[in-house]
N, C-alpha and C. Protein backbone atom coordinates (compact mmCIF):
# COMPACT_ATOMS: atom_id res chain seq x y z
N MET A 1 -19.99 -17.41 -15.66
CA MET A 1 -19.60 -18.42 -14.46
C MET A 1 -18.06 -19.13 -15.17
N GLU A 2 -18.00 -19.25 -16.50
CA GLU A 2 -17.55 -19.92 -17.44
C GLU A 2 -16.26 -18.87 -17.16
N ILE A 3 -15.77 -17.69 -17.20
CA ILE A 3 -14.35 -17.03 -16.85
C ILE A 3 -14.52 -17.34 -15.69
N LEU A 4 -14.85 -17.24 -14.66
CA LEU A 4 -13.64 -17.69 -13.85
C LEU A 4 -13.75 -19.53 -13.78
N ASN A 5 -13.89 -20.36 -13.94
CA ASN A 5 -13.80 -21.50 -14.24
C ASN A 5 -12.20 -21.78 -15.03
N GLU A 6 -12.52 -20.68 -15.91
CA GLU A 6 -11.26 -20.86 -17.20
C GLU A 6 -9.90 -19.58 -16.33
N SER A 7 -10.38 -18.91 -15.29
CA SER A 7 -9.60 -18.17 -14.81
C SER A 7 -8.63 -19.19 -13.88
N PHE A 8 -9.31 -20.09 -13.02
CA PHE A 8 -8.75 -20.38 -11.82
C PHE A 8 -7.61 -20.82 -12.02
N GLY A 9 -7.03 -20.87 -10.89
CA GLY A 9 -5.31 -20.97 -11.11
C GLY A 9 -4.21 -20.38 -12.25
N PHE A 10 -4.88 -19.48 -12.97
CA PHE A 10 -4.23 -18.82 -13.84
C PHE A 10 -2.55 -18.08 -13.55
N LEU A 11 -2.15 -18.10 -12.40
CA LEU A 11 -0.65 -18.04 -12.10
C LEU A 11 0.28 -19.65 -12.10
N LEU A 12 -0.54 -20.37 -12.49
CA LEU A 12 0.08 -21.81 -12.71
C LEU A 12 0.72 -21.75 -13.47
N GLN A 13 0.65 -20.78 -15.17
CA GLN A 13 1.20 -21.38 -16.20
C GLN A 13 2.60 -20.67 -16.31
N PHE A 14 3.13 -19.70 -15.19
CA PHE A 14 4.06 -19.10 -15.39
C PHE A 14 5.06 -20.64 -13.82
N PRO A 15 6.64 -20.16 -14.39
CA PRO A 15 7.42 -20.71 -12.93
C PRO A 15 7.40 -19.97 -11.65
N LEU A 16 7.34 -21.47 -11.19
CA LEU A 16 7.44 -20.73 -9.85
C LEU A 16 7.85 -19.74 -9.10
N TRP A 17 9.22 -19.01 -10.30
CA TRP A 17 10.12 -18.40 -9.53
C TRP A 17 9.68 -17.22 -9.66
N ALA A 18 9.07 -17.04 -10.58
CA ALA A 18 8.35 -16.03 -11.39
C ALA A 18 7.09 -15.42 -10.39
N VAL A 19 6.30 -16.44 -10.11
CA VAL A 19 5.00 -15.76 -9.16
C VAL A 19 5.59 -15.16 -7.98
N ILE A 20 6.65 -15.95 -7.38
CA ILE A 20 7.26 -15.76 -6.06
C ILE A 20 7.86 -14.36 -6.37
N ILE A 21 8.51 -14.48 -7.00
CA ILE A 21 9.21 -12.54 -7.15
C ILE A 21 8.29 -11.57 -7.95
N GLY A 22 7.20 -11.60 -8.04
CA GLY A 22 6.09 -10.93 -8.73
C GLY A 22 5.43 -10.81 -7.10
N LEU A 23 5.12 -12.16 -6.65
CA LEU A 23 4.27 -11.32 -5.43
C LEU A 23 4.95 -11.09 -3.84
N VAL A 24 6.35 -10.98 -4.25
CA VAL A 24 7.38 -10.14 -3.04
C VAL A 24 6.97 -8.66 -3.49
N LEU A 25 7.60 -8.80 -4.89
CA LEU A 25 7.45 -7.22 -5.42
C LEU A 25 5.98 -6.12 -5.26
N ILE A 26 4.80 -7.67 -5.96
CA ILE A 26 4.03 -6.62 -5.37
C ILE A 26 3.42 -6.00 -3.66
N THR A 27 3.80 -7.22 -2.75
CA THR A 27 3.88 -7.21 -1.29
C THR A 27 4.79 -6.01 -0.79
N GLY A 28 5.89 -5.83 -1.89
CA GLY A 28 6.90 -4.56 -1.19
C GLY A 28 6.11 -3.34 -1.39
N LEU A 29 5.36 -2.91 -2.48
CA LEU A 29 4.86 -2.24 -3.10
C LEU A 29 3.79 -1.41 -2.12
N LEU A 30 3.24 -2.53 -1.93
CA LEU A 30 1.78 -2.51 -1.20
C LEU A 30 1.70 -2.01 0.18
N VAL A 31 3.01 -2.37 0.79
CA VAL A 31 3.73 -2.00 1.98
C VAL A 31 4.28 -0.59 1.76
N PHE A 32 4.95 -0.21 1.12
CA PHE A 32 5.55 0.88 0.53
C PHE A 32 4.35 2.13 0.69
N TRP A 33 3.40 1.47 -0.37
CA TRP A 33 2.52 2.50 -0.38
C TRP A 33 1.72 2.64 0.71
N GLU A 34 1.76 1.88 1.90
CA GLU A 34 0.97 2.26 2.76
C GLU A 34 -0.75 1.68 2.33
N THR A 35 -1.14 0.80 2.05
CA THR A 35 -2.46 1.03 1.20
C THR A 35 -3.51 0.25 1.93
N PRO A 36 -4.34 0.18 1.96
CA PRO A 36 -5.35 0.00 3.22
C PRO A 36 -5.81 -1.51 3.02
N LEU A 37 -6.38 -2.01 4.42
CA LEU A 37 -6.56 -3.75 4.31
C LEU A 37 -7.67 -3.48 3.45
N LEU A 38 -8.15 -3.35 2.41
CA LEU A 38 -9.22 -3.60 1.34
C LEU A 38 -8.65 -4.20 0.47
N ILE A 39 -7.82 -3.52 -0.21
CA ILE A 39 -6.79 -3.48 -1.65
C ILE A 39 -5.72 -4.62 -0.83
N TRP A 40 -5.35 -5.02 0.45
CA TRP A 40 -4.52 -6.47 0.27
C TRP A 40 -5.74 -7.42 0.32
N ALA A 41 -7.14 -7.26 0.38
CA ALA A 41 -7.70 -8.22 0.60
C ALA A 41 -7.60 -8.57 -0.84
N ILE A 42 -8.22 -7.61 -1.39
CA ILE A 42 -8.07 -7.82 -3.21
C ILE A 42 -7.15 -8.50 -3.69
N VAL A 43 -5.98 -8.00 -3.73
CA VAL A 43 -4.84 -8.63 -3.92
C VAL A 43 -4.02 -10.42 -3.42
N GLY A 44 -4.92 -10.23 -2.34
CA GLY A 44 -4.62 -11.71 -1.60
C GLY A 44 -5.38 -12.35 -2.49
N THR A 45 -6.69 -12.09 -2.38
CA THR A 45 -8.15 -13.33 -2.89
C THR A 45 -7.43 -13.46 -4.75
N LEU A 46 -7.00 -11.92 -5.12
CA LEU A 46 -6.15 -12.44 -6.54
C LEU A 46 -5.17 -13.87 -6.70
N ALA A 47 -4.58 -13.26 -5.54
CA ALA A 47 -2.94 -14.21 -5.43
C ALA A 47 -3.71 -15.48 -5.42
N LEU A 48 -4.44 -15.65 -4.53
CA LEU A 48 -5.04 -17.37 -3.92
C LEU A 48 -5.70 -17.99 -5.13
N TRP A 49 -6.80 -17.11 -6.21
CA TRP A 49 -7.33 -17.69 -6.60
C TRP A 49 -6.30 -18.09 -8.32
N GLY A 50 -5.20 -17.26 -8.01
CA GLY A 50 -4.52 -17.65 -9.15
C GLY A 50 -4.02 -18.97 -8.98
N LEU A 51 -3.35 -19.08 -8.01
CA LEU A 51 -2.18 -20.42 -7.60
C LEU A 51 -3.62 -21.46 -7.34
N SER A 52 -4.97 -21.27 -7.76
CA SER A 52 -5.79 -22.36 -7.19
C SER A 52 -5.61 -22.68 -5.96
N ALA A 53 -5.99 -21.86 -5.04
CA ALA A 53 -5.54 -22.33 -3.98
C ALA A 53 -7.06 -23.04 -3.30
N PRO A 54 -7.47 -23.94 -2.06
CA PRO A 54 -8.66 -25.14 -2.42
C PRO A 54 -9.58 -23.61 -1.41
N ALA A 55 -10.43 -24.19 -1.09
CA ALA A 55 -11.94 -23.46 -0.40
C ALA A 55 -11.40 -22.82 1.09
N TRP A 56 -10.88 -24.14 1.94
CA TRP A 56 -10.61 -23.77 3.48
C TRP A 56 -9.47 -22.65 3.41
N VAL A 57 -8.56 -22.39 2.02
CA VAL A 57 -7.77 -21.47 2.36
C VAL A 57 -7.94 -19.99 2.25
N PHE A 58 -9.28 -20.02 1.11
CA PHE A 58 -10.01 -18.52 1.15
C PHE A 58 -10.78 -18.37 2.61
N GLY A 59 -11.07 -19.41 2.90
CA GLY A 59 -11.69 -19.19 4.54
C GLY A 59 -11.03 -18.48 5.45
N VAL A 60 -9.75 -19.36 5.47
CA VAL A 60 -8.41 -19.24 6.86
C VAL A 60 -8.39 -17.46 5.97
N PHE A 61 -8.44 -16.81 4.93
CA PHE A 61 -7.99 -15.63 4.52
C PHE A 61 -8.97 -14.89 4.80
N ALA A 62 -10.07 -15.15 4.52
CA ALA A 62 -11.88 -14.46 4.77
C ALA A 62 -11.73 -13.70 6.41
N ALA A 63 -11.55 -15.16 7.14
CA ALA A 63 -11.83 -14.91 8.83
C ALA A 63 -10.40 -13.59 9.26
N LEU A 64 -9.32 -13.94 9.07
CA LEU A 64 -7.97 -12.86 8.95
C LEU A 64 -8.84 -11.55 8.54
N ILE A 65 -9.42 -11.50 7.02
CA ILE A 65 -9.25 -9.77 6.67
C ILE A 65 -10.15 -9.93 7.58
N ILE A 66 -11.49 -9.92 7.94
CA ILE A 66 -12.64 -9.69 8.97
C ILE A 66 -11.84 -9.89 10.27
N LEU A 67 -10.54 -10.34 10.97
CA LEU A 67 -10.79 -10.37 12.05
C LEU A 67 -9.59 -8.74 12.75
N PHE A 68 -9.27 -8.70 11.38
CA PHE A 68 -8.21 -7.50 11.14
C PHE A 68 -8.78 -5.96 10.60
N GLY A 69 -10.05 -6.81 9.99
CA GLY A 69 -10.56 -5.52 9.28
C GLY A 69 -11.46 -4.40 9.62
N VAL A 70 -12.28 -5.69 10.95
CA VAL A 70 -13.45 -4.92 12.02
C VAL A 70 -13.10 -4.78 13.01
N LYS A 71 -13.04 -3.40 13.05
CA LYS A 71 -12.61 -2.85 14.29
C LYS A 71 -13.36 -3.35 15.60
N PRO A 72 -14.21 -3.23 15.84
CA PRO A 72 -15.17 -4.33 17.50
C PRO A 72 -14.33 -5.68 17.13
N ILE A 73 -15.07 -6.14 16.44
CA ILE A 73 -13.95 -7.63 16.69
C ILE A 73 -12.68 -7.62 16.48
N ARG A 74 -11.66 -7.15 15.93
CA ARG A 74 -10.27 -6.93 16.83
C ARG A 74 -10.42 -6.53 18.06
N ARG A 75 -10.71 -5.46 18.50
CA ARG A 75 -10.68 -4.86 19.80
C ARG A 75 -11.37 -6.37 21.14
N ALA A 76 -12.01 -6.85 20.83
CA ALA A 76 -12.60 -7.58 21.30
C ALA A 76 -11.72 -9.03 21.35
N VAL A 77 -11.11 -9.75 20.47
CA VAL A 77 -10.55 -10.29 20.28
C VAL A 77 -9.12 -10.32 20.50
N LEU A 78 -8.38 -9.83 19.89
CA LEU A 78 -7.26 -9.01 19.62
C LEU A 78 -6.58 -8.70 20.85
N THR A 79 -7.03 -7.31 20.85
CA THR A 79 -6.37 -5.80 21.21
C THR A 79 -6.41 -5.86 23.09
N LYS A 80 -7.69 -6.51 23.25
CA LYS A 80 -7.95 -6.14 24.73
C LYS A 80 -7.67 -7.17 25.50
N PRO A 81 -7.97 -9.18 24.87
CA PRO A 81 -6.88 -9.47 25.46
C PRO A 81 -5.33 -9.27 25.90
N LEU A 82 -4.68 -8.78 24.31
CA LEU A 82 -3.38 -9.01 24.21
C LEU A 82 -2.87 -7.91 25.46
N MET A 83 -3.77 -6.62 25.67
CA MET A 83 -3.25 -5.56 26.70
C MET A 83 -3.49 -6.05 27.53
N LYS A 84 -4.39 -6.96 27.98
CA LYS A 84 -4.38 -7.90 29.64
C LYS A 84 -3.36 -8.39 29.86
N LEU A 85 -3.10 -9.27 28.80
CA LEU A 85 -1.56 -9.98 29.14
C LEU A 85 -0.05 -8.84 29.45
N LEU A 86 -0.35 -7.99 28.47
CA LEU A 86 1.05 -7.31 28.69
C LEU A 86 1.29 -5.84 30.04
N ASP A 87 -0.07 -6.01 30.58
CA ASP A 87 -0.26 -5.31 31.72
C ASP A 87 -0.39 -6.17 32.91
N SER A 88 -0.46 -7.67 32.74
CA SER A 88 -0.42 -8.42 33.88
C SER A 88 0.74 -8.63 33.78
N MET A 89 1.93 -9.18 32.79
CA MET A 89 3.13 -8.83 33.02
C MET A 89 3.93 -7.87 33.13
N ASN A 90 3.50 -6.82 33.64
CA ASN A 90 4.28 -5.37 34.00
C ASN A 90 5.22 -5.21 32.76
N PHE A 91 4.43 -5.63 31.22
CA PHE A 91 6.03 -4.83 30.67
C PHE A 91 5.75 -3.59 29.69
N LEU A 92 4.05 -3.16 30.54
CA LEU A 92 3.79 -1.36 29.54
C LEU A 92 4.97 -0.69 30.97
N PRO A 93 5.12 0.41 30.25
CA PRO A 93 6.22 1.58 30.99
C PRO A 93 5.10 2.05 32.01
N THR A 94 5.27 2.54 33.01
CA THR A 94 4.28 3.09 33.68
C THR A 94 4.67 4.65 33.50
N ILE A 95 3.57 5.84 33.14
CA ILE A 95 3.56 6.63 32.30
C ILE A 95 3.66 7.54 33.75
N SER A 96 4.67 8.48 33.92
CA SER A 96 4.42 9.35 34.92
C SER A 96 3.48 11.06 34.92
N GLU A 97 3.08 11.16 35.88
CA GLU A 97 3.00 12.66 35.31
C GLU A 97 3.55 13.67 35.52
N THR A 98 3.46 14.94 34.87
CA THR A 98 4.05 15.27 34.26
C THR A 98 3.28 17.12 34.55
């Protein structure tokens, strides 16, 4: 457990501009390589740990990862209501029979 206590906030030893540039570059690489959500979760957790984020930020991050990562939850909470809203607004085009 001592290693966890010592490593918490390890990114704070670097200048803020260097940390921001590094995180932007890592994010760009993750987007370019089309990495799965699990890798995003690991990298995000490491970034939050390195920036010594409070516990509630970790909780919000975990909730977002679960919301977007678990397909039945995502369908029930996001996709279904969004599709109903778009359908009620007649935003979606009608598909004709060909």
